[in-house]
C-alpha atoms as a PDB file:
ATOM      1  CA  MET A   1     143.993 -15.834 108.375  1.00  0.00           C
ATOM      2  CA  ILE A   2     142.054 -14.553 105.361  1.00  0.00           C
ATOM      3  CA  ASN A   3     142.125 -10.934 106.590  1.00  0.00           C
ATOM      4  CA  ARG A   4     145.698 -11.048 107.846  1.00  0.00           C
ATOM      5  CA  PHE A   5     147.028  -8.482 105.399  1.00  0.00           C
ATOM      6  CA  LYS A   6     144.762  -5.544 104.666  1.00  0.00           C
ATOM      7  CA  PRO A   7     144.981  -4.494 101.004  1.00  0.00           C
ATOM      8  CA  LYS A   8     146.135  -0.973 100.169  1.00  0.00           C
ATOM      9  CA  TYR A   9     144.226   0.853  97.463  1.00  0.00           C
ATOM     10  CA  ASN A  10     145.222   3.993  95.550  1.00  0.00           C
ATOM     11  CA  ILE A  11     141.609   5.192  95.371  1.00  0.00           C
ATOM     12  CA  LYS A  12     139.934   7.330  98.038  1.00  0.00           C
ATOM     13  CA  LYS A  13     136.483   8.809  98.540  1.00  0.00           C
ATOM     14  CA  GLY A  14     136.034  11.944  96.437  1.00  0.00           C
ATOM     15  CA  ASP A  15     138.576  10.996  93.749  1.00  0.00           C
ATOM     16  CA  LYS A  16     137.860  11.417  90.050  1.00  0.00           C
ATOM     17  CA  VAL A  17     137.994   8.041  88.284  1.00  0.00           C
ATOM     18  CA  VAL A  18     137.291   6.531  84.879  1.00  0.00           C
ATOM     19  CA  ILE A  19     135.459   3.224  84.472  1.00  0.00           C
ATOM     20  CA  ILE A  20     137.651   0.961  82.326  1.00  0.00           C
ATOM     21  CA  ALA A  21     135.459  -2.180  82.187  1.00  0.00           C
ATOM     22  CA  GLY A  22     131.802  -3.138  82.260  1.00  0.00           C
ATOM     23  CA  ASP A  23     128.546  -1.700  80.955  1.00  0.00           C
ATOM     24  CA  ASP A  24     129.381   1.886  82.024  1.00  0.00           C
ATOM     25  CA  LYS A  25     132.843   1.891  80.421  1.00  0.00           C
ATOM     26  CA  ASP A  26     133.799   5.389  79.291  1.00  0.00           C
ATOM     27  CA  LEU A  27     137.462   6.429  79.205  1.00  0.00           C
ATOM     28  CA  LYS A  28     136.704  10.109  78.548  1.00  0.00           C
ATOM     29  CA  LYS A  29     134.145  10.775  81.304  1.00  0.00           C
ATOM     30  CA  PRO A  30     135.535  11.257  84.828  1.00  0.00           C
ATOM     31  CA  ARG A  31     133.204  10.372  87.711  1.00  0.00           C
ATOM     32  CA  THR A  32     133.405  10.801  91.474  1.00  0.00           C
ATOM     33  CA  ILE A  33     133.908   8.046  94.059  1.00  0.00           C
ATOM     34  CA  LEU A  34     131.099   8.118  96.642  1.00  0.00           C
ATOM     35  CA  GLN A  35     132.271   5.254  98.862  1.00  0.00           C
ATOM     36  CA  VAL A  36     135.159   2.777  99.116  1.00  0.00           C
ATOM     37  CA  ILE A  37     134.380  -0.647 100.605  1.00  0.00           C
ATOM     38  CA  THR A  38     137.889  -1.864 101.490  1.00  0.00           C
ATOM     39  CA  ASP A  39     137.035  -5.250 102.982  1.00  0.00           C
ATOM     40  CA  LYS A  40     135.237  -6.337  99.776  1.00  0.00           C
ATOM     41  CA  GLY A  41     137.455  -4.438  97.323  1.00  0.00           C
ATOM     42  CA  ARG A  42     134.581  -2.464  95.803  1.00  0.00           C
ATOM     43  CA  VAL A  43     133.734   1.180  95.137  1.00  0.00           C
ATOM     44  CA  VAL A  44     130.494   3.082  94.610  1.00  0.00           C
ATOM     45  CA  VAL A  45     130.838   5.460  91.648  1.00  0.00           C
ATOM     46  CA  GLU A  46     128.496   8.375  91.003  1.00  0.00           C
ATOM     47  CA  GLY A  47     126.110   7.619  88.136  1.00  0.00           C
ATOM     48  CA  ALA A  48     127.486   4.139  87.423  1.00  0.00           C
ATOM     49  CA  ASN A  49     125.950   0.672  87.875  1.00  0.00           C
ATOM     50  CA  ILE A  50     122.449   2.030  88.528  1.00  0.00           C
ATOM     51  CA  VAL A  51     120.075  -0.622  89.878  1.00  0.00           C
ATOM     52  CA  THR A  52     116.410  -0.438  90.839  1.00  0.00           C
ATOM     53  CA  LYS A  53     115.594  -1.142  94.471  1.00  0.00           C
ATOM     54  CA  HIS A  54     112.122  -1.956  95.772  1.00  0.00           C
ATOM     55  CA  THR A  55     111.488  -0.282  99.129  1.00  0.00           C
ATOM     56  CA  LYS A  56     108.675  -0.674 101.625  1.00  0.00           C
ATOM     57  CA  PRO A  57     107.093   2.392 103.195  1.00  0.00           C
ATOM     58  CA  SER A  58     108.888   3.478 106.372  1.00  0.00           C
ATOM     59  CA  ALA A  59     109.121   6.512 108.636  1.00  0.00           C
ATOM     60  CA  THR A  60     111.789   8.136 106.456  1.00  0.00           C
ATOM     61  CA  ASN A  61     110.298   7.053 103.110  1.00  0.00           C
ATOM     62  CA  THR A  62     106.522   7.188 103.566  1.00  0.00           C
ATOM     63  CA  LYS A  63     105.660   6.316  99.967  1.00  0.00           C
ATOM     64  CA  GLY A  64     108.007   3.404  99.333  1.00  0.00           C
ATOM     65  CA  GLY A  65     108.144   2.106  95.762  1.00  0.00           C
ATOM     66  CA  ILE A  66     110.956   1.674  93.273  1.00  0.00           C
ATOM     67  CA  ILE A  67     114.083   3.843  93.572  1.00  0.00           C
ATOM     68  CA  LYS A  68     117.289   3.898  91.539  1.00  0.00           C
ATOM     69  CA  VAL A  69     120.590   3.632  93.454  1.00  0.00           C
ATOM     70  CA  GLU A  70     124.255   3.138  92.568  1.00  0.00           C
ATOM     71  CA  ALA A  71     125.529  -0.374  93.299  1.00  0.00           C
ATOM     72  CA  PRO A  72     129.198  -1.098  94.060  1.00  0.00           C
ATOM     73  CA  ILE A  73     131.589  -2.212  91.314  1.00  0.00           C
ATOM     74  CA  HIS A  74     134.962  -3.910  91.705  1.00  0.00           C
ATOM     75  CA  ILE A  75     137.903  -1.608  92.349  1.00  0.00           C
ATOM     76  CA  SER A  76     139.871  -3.152  89.458  1.00  0.00           C
ATOM     77  CA  ASN A  77     137.298  -1.775  87.000  1.00  0.00           C
ATOM     78  CA  VAL A  78     138.160   1.862  87.778  1.00  0.00           C
ATOM     79  CA  GLN A  79     141.316   3.889  87.211  1.00  0.00           C
ATOM     80  CA  LEU A  80     142.239   7.314  88.570  1.00  0.00           C
ATOM     81  CA  TRP A  81     141.675  10.299  86.261  1.00  0.00           C
ATOM     82  CA  ASP A  82     144.707  12.433  85.442  1.00  0.00           C
ATOM     83  CA  ALA A  83     143.508  15.968  84.727  1.00  0.00           C
ATOM     84  CA  LYS A  84     146.792  17.084  83.143  1.00  0.00           C
ATOM     85  CA  VAL A  85     146.794  14.234  80.595  1.00  0.00           C
ATOM     86  CA  GLY A  86     143.006  14.182  80.238  1.00  0.00           C
ATOM     87  CA  GLY A  87     142.674  10.426  80.659  1.00  0.00           C
ATOM     88  CA  PRO A  88     143.258   7.482  82.990  1.00  0.00           C
ATOM     89  CA  ALA A  89     146.676   6.980  84.552  1.00  0.00           C
ATOM     90  CA  LYS A  90     148.443   4.441  86.717  1.00  0.00           C
ATOM     91  CA  ILE A  91     149.597   5.603  90.148  1.00  0.00           C
ATOM     92  CA  LYS A  92     152.770   5.189  92.166  1.00  0.00           C
ATOM     93  CA  ARG A  93     153.016   6.053  95.847  1.00  0.00           C
ATOM     94  CA  THR A  94     156.024   7.779  97.397  1.00  0.00           C
ATOM     95  CA  ARG A  95     156.773   9.292 100.780  1.00  0.00           C
ATOM     96  CA  GLU A  96     157.502  12.996 101.193  1.00  0.00           C
ATOM     97  CA  ASN A  97     158.050  14.404 104.667  1.00  0.00           C
ATOM     98  CA  GLY A  98     156.500  11.269 106.192  1.00  0.00           C
ATOM     99  CA  LYS A  99     153.290  11.526 104.133  1.00  0.00           C
ATOM    100  CA  LEU A 100     152.215   9.173 101.358  1.00  0.00           C
ATOM    101  CA  ILE A 101     151.728  11.030  98.089  1.00  0.00           C
ATOM    102  CA  ARG A 102     150.076   9.532  94.998  1.00  0.00           C
ATOM    103  CA  ILE A 103     151.862  10.465  91.773  1.00  0.00           C
ATOM    104  CA  SER A 104     150.606   9.855  88.232  1.00  0.00           C
ATOM    105  CA  LYS A 105     152.994   7.773  86.126  1.00  0.00           C
ATOM    106  CA  LYS A 106     151.954   9.536  82.899  1.00  0.00           C
ATOM    107  CA  SER A 107     152.349  13.169  83.896  1.00  0.00           C
ATOM    108  CA  GLY A 108     154.404  12.959  87.107  1.00  0.00           C
ATOM    109  CA  GLU A 109     151.902  15.220  88.897  1.00  0.00           C
ATOM    110  CA  ALA A 110     150.643  14.594  92.418  1.00  0.00           C
ATOM    111  CA  ILE A 111     146.988  13.528  92.699  1.00  0.00           C
ATOM    112  CA  LYS A 112     145.006  15.732  95.081  1.00  0.00           C
END
């Protein structure tokens, strides 16, 4: 019964977002979403939450060693970037011609 109702998020892969909480907080620097993990409520943001990962040598990575990768952060710590306003904005969803459209509450513009 835990997964009875699937949560609906306003953030998709490829969106520009701003990190509003945590070590990488920066309200003026938009970043790109690389992956959305819906079942855990997390997102992977480009250039944020960089962690070092120790890897063993394999067929694809013959050297192995220490690499830096982006780790997921909680979806509540990011907010969609509104290009017209030049900052973060809350989103409302409406239906137009049977399609869901995300609209910024600050500027009233549709988010592409």
